[in-house]
Amino acid sequence: MIARYNRLSFAFGIPGLILQGLGYMATNDKKMGIEEGAAVAITLVGTIILMVGFALYAKSRGRSPVWCVMGLLSIVGLIVLGVLKDLTLPEEKKTS
């Protein structure tokens, strides 16, 4: 696993999840005071950031960033991403 890409995947993935949750809550709770269009935009931005995080995670495992599409398949896709075999070469694995 390439440590740099793994760290970056969390740096993008966590905020993406938070924005998705915020957008979902704002869409379903009118008391938050966020208009529906803005809530949808927040959810979309969160999804894009989360997909970048998934792409970086796939890259940390020596896979194509296209594997991030698996994240759209809900929990099944996340399980597949989580169990991807590490294809990185020994010289690519760095702890820094």
C-alpha atoms as a PDB file:
ATOM      1  CA  MET A   1       0.000   0.000   0.000  1.00  0.00           C
ATOM      2  CA  ILE A   2       1.259   3.442  -0.867  1.00  0.00           C
ATOM      3  CA  ALA A   3       0.980   5.347   2.417  1.00  0.00           C
ATOM      4  CA  ARG A   4       0.750   8.830   0.867  1.00  0.00           C
ATOM      5  CA  TYR A   5      -2.310   7.954  -1.222  1.00  0.00           C
ATOM      6  CA  ASN A   6      -3.870   6.133   1.722  1.00  0.00           C
ATOM      7  CA  ARG A   7      -3.575   9.233   3.929  1.00  0.00           C
ATOM      8  CA  LEU A   8      -4.959  11.436   1.162  1.00  0.00           C
ATOM      9  CA  SER A   9      -7.891   9.062   0.691  1.00  0.00           C
ATOM     10  CA  PHE A  10      -8.933   9.678   4.294  1.00  0.00           C
ATOM     11  CA  ALA A  11      -8.319  13.417   3.939  1.00  0.00           C
ATOM     12  CA  PHE A  12     -10.860  13.491   1.094  1.00  0.00           C
ATOM     13  CA  GLY A  13     -13.161  10.666   2.177  1.00  0.00           C
ATOM     14  CA  ILE A  14     -14.066  11.895   5.661  1.00  0.00           C
ATOM     15  CA  PRO A  15     -15.092  15.438   4.584  1.00  0.00           C
ATOM     16  CA  GLY A  16     -16.976  13.920   1.644  1.00  0.00           C
ATOM     17  CA  LEU A  17     -18.986  11.715   3.985  1.00  0.00           C
ATOM     18  CA  ILE A  18     -19.681  14.653   6.287  1.00  0.00           C
ATOM     19  CA  LEU A  19     -20.896  16.837   3.408  1.00  0.00           C
ATOM     20  CA  GLN A  20     -23.085  14.037   2.089  1.00  0.00           C
ATOM     21  CA  GLY A  21     -24.666  13.588   5.507  1.00  0.00           C
ATOM     22  CA  LEU A  22     -25.177  17.315   5.938  1.00  0.00           C
ATOM     23  CA  GLY A  23     -26.779  17.603   2.497  1.00  0.00           C
ATOM     24  CA  TYR A  24     -29.039  14.628   3.184  1.00  0.00           C
ATOM     25  CA  MET A  25     -30.132  16.048   6.533  1.00  0.00           C
ATOM     26  CA  ALA A  26     -30.750  19.490   4.999  1.00  0.00           C
ATOM     27  CA  THR A  27     -32.852  17.933   2.241  1.00  0.00           C
ATOM     28  CA  ASN A  28     -35.083  16.126   4.737  1.00  0.00           C
ATOM     29  CA  ASP A  29     -35.181  18.719   7.537  1.00  0.00           C
ATOM     30  CA  LYS A  30     -36.612  22.093   6.562  1.00  0.00           C
ATOM     31  CA  LYS A  31     -35.818  23.489  10.033  1.00  0.00           C
ATOM     32  CA  MET A  32     -32.118  23.702   9.115  1.00  0.00           C
ATOM     33  CA  GLY A  33     -32.896  26.723   6.949  1.00  0.00           C
ATOM     34  CA  ILE A  34     -31.040  25.462   3.880  1.00  0.00           C
ATOM     35  CA  GLU A  35     -32.900  25.636   0.583  1.00  0.00           C
ATOM     36  CA  GLU A  36     -33.446  22.384  -1.280  1.00  0.00           C
ATOM     37  CA  GLY A  37     -31.225  23.391  -4.209  1.00  0.00           C
ATOM     38  CA  ALA A  38     -28.359  24.214  -1.874  1.00  0.00           C
ATOM     39  CA  ALA A  39     -28.857  20.936  -0.007  1.00  0.00           C
ATOM     40  CA  VAL A  40     -28.667  18.983  -3.262  1.00  0.00           C
ATOM     41  CA  ALA A  41     -25.524  20.908  -4.226  1.00  0.00           C
ATOM     42  CA  ILE A  42     -23.921  20.109  -0.852  1.00  0.00           C
ATOM     43  CA  THR A  43     -24.746  16.422  -1.323  1.00  0.00           C
ATOM     44  CA  LEU A  44     -23.315  16.452  -4.851  1.00  0.00           C
ATOM     45  CA  VAL A  45     -20.090  18.156  -3.755  1.00  0.00           C
ATOM     46  CA  GLY A  46     -19.787  15.644  -0.906  1.00  0.00           C
ATOM     47  CA  THR A  47     -20.239  12.758  -3.335  1.00  0.00           C
ATOM     48  CA  ILE A  48     -17.563  14.111  -5.672  1.00  0.00           C
ATOM     49  CA  ILE A  49     -15.094  14.596  -2.808  1.00  0.00           C
ATOM     50  CA  LEU A  50     -15.876  11.096  -1.512  1.00  0.00           C
ATOM     51  CA  MET A  51     -15.285   9.612  -4.974  1.00  0.00           C
ATOM     52  CA  VAL A  52     -11.884  11.350  -5.087  1.00  0.00           C
ATOM     53  CA  GLY A  53     -11.122   9.704  -1.751  1.00  0.00           C
ATOM     54  CA  PHE A  54     -12.136   6.296  -3.131  1.00  0.00           C
ATOM     55  CA  ALA A  55      -9.986   6.850  -6.225  1.00  0.00           C
ATOM     56  CA  LEU A  56      -6.994   7.682  -4.035  1.00  0.00           C
ATOM     57  CA  TYR A  57      -7.621   4.580  -1.940  1.00  0.00           C
ATOM     58  CA  ALA A  58      -7.688   2.408  -5.062  1.00  0.00           C
ATOM     59  CA  LYS A  59      -4.487   4.078  -6.209  1.00  0.00           C
ATOM     60  CA  SER A  60      -2.885   3.363  -2.822  1.00  0.00           C
ATOM     61  CA  ARG A  61      -3.532  -0.320  -3.514  1.00  0.00           C
ATOM     62  CA  GLY A  62      -1.888  -0.126  -6.949  1.00  0.00           C
ATOM     63  CA  ARG A  63      -5.224  -0.110  -8.796  1.00  0.00           C
ATOM     64  CA  SER A  64      -6.741   2.203 -11.347  1.00  0.00           C
ATOM     65  CA  PRO A  65      -8.593   5.206  -9.900  1.00  0.00           C
ATOM     66  CA  VAL A  66     -11.610   4.041 -11.929  1.00  0.00           C
ATOM     67  CA  TRP A  67     -12.263   1.582  -9.080  1.00  0.00           C
ATOM     68  CA  CYS A  68     -13.811   4.551  -7.236  1.00  0.00           C
ATOM     69  CA  VAL A  69     -17.032   3.798  -9.131  1.00  0.00           C
ATOM     70  CA  MET A  70     -17.472   0.803  -6.806  1.00  0.00           C
ATOM     71  CA  GLY A  71     -18.202   3.289  -4.042  1.00  0.00           C
ATOM     72  CA  LEU A  72     -21.485   4.125  -5.768  1.00  0.00           C
ATOM     73  CA  LEU A  73     -22.734   0.574  -5.126  1.00  0.00           C
ATOM     74  CA  SER A  74     -23.432   1.243  -1.459  1.00  0.00           C
ATOM     75  CA  ILE A  75     -22.060  -1.155   1.128  1.00  0.00           C
ATOM     76  CA  VAL A  76     -21.268  -3.876  -1.432  1.00  0.00           C
ATOM     77  CA  GLY A  77     -18.991  -1.515  -3.345  1.00  0.00           C
ATOM     78  CA  LEU A  78     -17.288  -0.389  -0.149  1.00  0.00           C
ATOM     79  CA  ILE A  79     -16.627  -4.005   0.820  1.00  0.00           C
ATOM     80  CA  VAL A  80     -15.122  -4.674  -2.606  1.00  0.00           C
ATOM     81  CA  LEU A  81     -12.889  -1.602  -2.266  1.00  0.00           C
ATOM     82  CA  GLY A  82     -11.870  -2.670   1.219  1.00  0.00           C
ATOM     83  CA  VAL A  83     -10.744  -6.138   0.183  1.00  0.00           C
ATOM     84  CA  LEU A  84      -8.876  -5.183  -2.976  1.00  0.00           C
ATOM     85  CA  LYS A  85      -5.618  -7.060  -3.232  1.00  0.00           C
ATOM     86  CA  ASP A  86      -2.577  -4.819  -2.885  1.00  0.00           C
ATOM     87  CA  LEU A  87      -0.821  -4.709  -6.275  1.00  0.00           C
ATOM     88  CA  THR A  88       1.831  -2.144  -5.413  1.00  0.00           C
ATOM     89  CA  LEU A  89       5.440  -3.012  -6.110  1.00  0.00           C
ATOM     90  CA  PRO A  90       7.829  -3.209  -3.150  1.00  0.00           C
ATOM     91  CA  GLU A  91       9.694  -0.072  -4.237  1.00  0.00           C
ATOM     92  CA  GLU A  92       6.399   1.873  -4.376  1.00  0.00           C
ATOM     93  CA  LYS A  93       5.568   1.102  -0.756  1.00  0.00           C
ATOM     94  CA  LYS A  94       6.810   3.998   1.296  1.00  0.00           C
ATOM     95  CA  THR A  95       6.072   4.910   4.872  1.00  0.00           C
ATOM     96  CA  SER A  96       6.506   8.651   4.337  1.00  0.00           C
END
